[in-house]
């Protein structure tokens, strides 16, 4: 499936080409979606979120790969949640979220938050947190499941309604690629 999926991602304009890290991340997310029981539509939204959250216009080759919240050191230090600023595919933030994922994954994310950047770890965390509602208490099945597919309001899983329509459009394109 993944070769066909990669071809469709190019055909529908989400990518022009892939870096090795992007291919590894996409395969890791596909595997986690399958292991954790995400439906095609839920998987599409999981991909759309990472596609949006992991984009630095200065480094387009990092799109949909685990990244660190971009901005200089001064900017990152200004964050209320420093040093637990955004990392990974969902841009994990805040000490409490790092502690939850550290306990679940059985790795020391509190003292080594950069461990969430490891592709398999980032993929596992991203899929799990979206399916289970770790970030906001809202989970994918609240919006996407049997008889319902609300890509717009699914944004509430991660970050209120910030850029919800854009991410919904990405999800539709990912869904078409997954079909």
Protein backbone atom coordinates (compact mmCIF):
# COMPACT_ATOMS: atom_id res chain seq x y z
CA UNK A 1 0.00 0.00 0.00
CA UNK A 2 2.71 2.52 0.84
CA UNK A 3 4.10 2.85 -2.73
CA UNK A 4 0.59 3.54 -4.03
CA UNK A 5 0.04 5.97 -1.14
CA UNK A 6 3.26 7.85 -1.91
CA UNK A 7 2.28 8.15 -5.57
CA UNK A 8 -1.15 9.53 -4.67
CA UNK A 9 0.38 12.05 -2.25
CA UNK A 10 2.36 13.45 -5.17
CA UNK A 11 -0.59 13.27 -7.60
CA UNK A 12 -2.89 15.19 -5.27
CA UNK A 13 -0.29 17.90 -4.64
CA UNK A 14 0.59 17.30 -1.01
CA UNK A 15 4.22 16.55 -1.94
CA UNK A 16 6.48 17.09 -4.95
CA UNK A 17 9.02 14.55 -3.74
CA UNK A 18 10.00 12.83 -0.51
CA UNK A 19 13.04 12.90 1.71
CA UNK A 20 14.13 9.67 3.39
CA UNK A 21 12.88 11.04 6.74
CA UNK A 22 9.47 11.81 5.23
CA UNK A 23 9.17 8.30 3.80
CA UNK A 24 10.21 6.75 7.11
CA UNK A 25 7.74 8.93 9.01
CA UNK A 26 4.86 8.20 6.64
CA UNK A 27 5.51 4.46 6.89
CA UNK A 28 5.76 4.68 10.70
CA UNK A 29 2.45 6.57 10.91
CA UNK A 30 0.78 4.10 8.53
CA UNK A 31 2.00 1.23 10.72
CA UNK A 32 0.83 2.89 13.94
CA UNK A 33 -2.59 3.70 12.46
CA UNK A 34 -2.97 0.02 11.54
CA UNK A 35 -1.68 -1.26 14.91
CA UNK A 36 -3.81 1.13 16.92
CA UNK A 37 -6.97 0.54 14.88
CA UNK A 38 -7.48 3.91 13.20
CA UNK A 39 -10.02 3.93 10.37
CA UNK A 40 -9.11 5.38 6.96
CA UNK A 41 -10.80 8.69 7.80
CA UNK A 42 -9.16 8.84 11.23
CA UNK A 43 -5.80 8.03 9.62
CA UNK A 44 -6.38 10.81 7.07
CA UNK A 45 -6.92 13.30 9.89
CA UNK A 46 -3.89 12.00 11.80
CA UNK A 47 -1.77 12.60 8.70
CA UNK A 48 -3.35 16.00 8.02
CA UNK A 49 -2.53 17.15 11.55
CA UNK A 50 1.11 16.10 11.30
CA UNK A 51 1.32 17.62 7.81
CA UNK A 52 0.17 20.94 9.26
CA UNK A 53 1.99 20.85 12.60
CA UNK A 54 5.31 19.73 11.11
CA UNK A 55 5.94 22.40 8.54
CA UNK A 56 8.68 24.97 8.63
CA UNK A 57 8.60 27.02 5.42
CA UNK A 58 12.36 27.52 5.68
CA UNK A 59 12.86 23.75 5.65
CA UNK A 60 10.12 22.17 3.50
CA UNK A 61 11.91 18.80 3.55
CA UNK A 62 10.93 18.46 7.21
CA UNK A 63 7.20 18.57 6.48
CA UNK A 64 5.50 15.59 8.10
CA UNK A 65 8.60 14.57 10.02
CA UNK A 66 9.09 14.95 13.78
CA UNK A 67 10.38 18.49 14.30
CA UNK A 68 11.07 20.98 17.06
CA UNK A 69 8.80 24.02 17.25
CA UNK A 70 10.58 26.51 15.08
CA UNK A 71 11.87 29.82 16.35
CA UNK A 72 15.10 30.97 17.86
CA UNK A 73 16.25 30.20 21.39
CA UNK A 74 14.95 33.57 22.65
CA UNK A 75 11.51 32.83 21.20
CA UNK A 76 11.41 29.30 22.63
CA UNK A 77 12.52 30.53 26.07
CA UNK A 78 9.62 33.01 26.02
CA UNK A 79 7.09 30.16 25.92
CA UNK A 80 5.18 29.49 29.17
CA UNK A 81 5.87 25.81 28.71
CA UNK A 82 9.67 26.08 28.14
CA UNK A 83 11.62 23.76 28.00
CA UNK A 84 8.66 21.54 27.07
CA UNK A 85 7.99 23.35 23.82
CA UNK A 86 6.57 21.69 20.73
CA UNK A 87 8.29 18.57 19.50
CA UNK A 88 7.26 15.54 17.49
CA UNK A 89 4.40 15.15 15.02
CA UNK A 90 1.68 16.80 17.12
CA UNK A 91 4.06 19.35 18.62
CA UNK A 92 3.81 17.91 22.14
CA UNK A 93 3.95 20.74 24.71
CA UNK A 94 3.73 21.27 28.48
CA UNK A 95 5.42 19.24 31.21
CA UNK A 96 2.22 17.33 32.07
CA UNK A 97 1.92 16.00 28.50
CA UNK A 98 5.61 15.03 28.44
CA UNK A 99 5.12 13.21 31.78
CA UNK A 100 2.06 11.31 30.49
CA UNK A 101 3.83 10.20 27.36
CA UNK A 102 7.03 9.37 29.27
CA UNK A 103 5.08 7.03 31.55
CA UNK A 104 3.14 5.42 28.72
CA UNK A 105 6.14 4.97 26.43
CA UNK A 106 8.48 4.07 29.30
CA UNK A 107 11.14 6.56 28.21
CA UNK A 108 12.56 9.61 30.00
CA UNK A 109 10.92 12.45 28.06
CA UNK A 110 11.06 14.70 31.12
CA UNK A 111 14.87 14.83 31.20
CA UNK A 112 15.32 14.11 27.51
CA UNK A 113 12.36 15.69 25.68
CA UNK A 114 14.19 15.30 22.37
CA UNK A 115 13.43 11.54 22.48
CA UNK A 116 9.97 12.35 21.10
CA UNK A 117 11.74 13.23 17.84
CA UNK A 118 12.67 9.58 17.17
CA UNK A 119 10.42 8.62 14.24
CA UNK A 120 8.86 5.44 15.68
CA UNK A 121 8.31 7.15 19.05
CA UNK A 122 6.82 10.26 17.43
CA UNK A 123 4.49 8.18 15.25
CA UNK A 124 3.30 6.06 18.18
CA UNK A 125 2.71 9.13 20.35
CA UNK A 126 0.96 11.14 17.65
CA UNK A 127 -1.48 8.38 16.74
CA UNK A 128 -2.15 7.34 20.34
CA UNK A 129 -2.70 10.88 21.63
CA UNK A 130 -5.13 11.72 18.84
CA UNK A 131 -7.07 8.48 19.18
CA UNK A 132 -7.23 8.64 22.98
CA UNK A 133 -7.80 12.38 23.51
CA UNK A 134 -4.62 12.99 25.49
CA UNK A 135 -4.18 16.67 24.55
CA UNK A 136 -7.60 18.20 25.19
CA UNK A 137 -9.75 15.30 26.37
CA UNK A 138 -11.35 15.17 22.92
CA UNK A 139 -10.51 12.16 20.78
CA UNK A 140 -10.83 11.30 17.11
CA UNK A 141 -13.88 9.10 17.63
CA UNK A 142 -15.75 12.15 18.96
CA UNK A 143 -15.66 13.56 15.42
CA UNK A 144 -14.72 10.75 13.05
CA UNK A 145 -16.28 7.30 13.32
CA UNK A 146 -19.23 5.22 12.14
CA UNK A 147 -21.69 7.53 10.40
CA UNK A 148 -19.74 10.74 11.05
CA UNK A 149 -16.74 12.52 9.59
CA UNK A 150 -16.30 16.06 10.90
CA UNK A 151 -12.82 17.05 9.83
CA UNK A 152 -13.45 20.69 10.80
CA UNK A 153 -14.27 20.13 14.46
CA UNK A 154 -11.71 17.34 14.80
CA UNK A 155 -9.16 20.15 15.15
CA UNK A 156 -10.40 20.51 18.74
CA UNK A 157 -8.41 17.34 19.52
CA UNK A 158 -5.14 19.27 19.29
CA UNK A 159 -5.54 23.05 19.12
CA UNK A 160 -9.00 24.57 19.32
CA UNK A 161 -10.17 25.65 15.88
CA UNK A 162 -6.83 27.08 14.76
CA UNK A 163 -6.55 26.58 10.97
CA UNK A 164 -9.35 24.01 11.10
CA UNK A 165 -10.57 24.51 7.52
CA UNK A 166 -7.06 24.23 6.07
CA UNK A 167 -6.39 21.00 7.99
CA UNK A 168 -9.81 19.63 6.97
CA UNK A 169 -8.82 20.16 3.33
CA UNK A 170 -5.55 18.32 3.91
CA UNK A 171 -7.50 15.48 5.52
CA UNK A 172 -9.71 15.12 2.44
CA UNK A 173 -6.61 14.83 0.24
CA UNK A 174 -5.01 12.28 2.58
CA UNK A 175 -8.27 10.31 2.64
CA UNK A 176 -8.31 10.19 -1.17
CA UNK A 177 -4.71 8.94 -1.11
CA UNK A 178 -5.52 6.26 1.46
CA UNK A 179 -8.61 4.97 -0.40
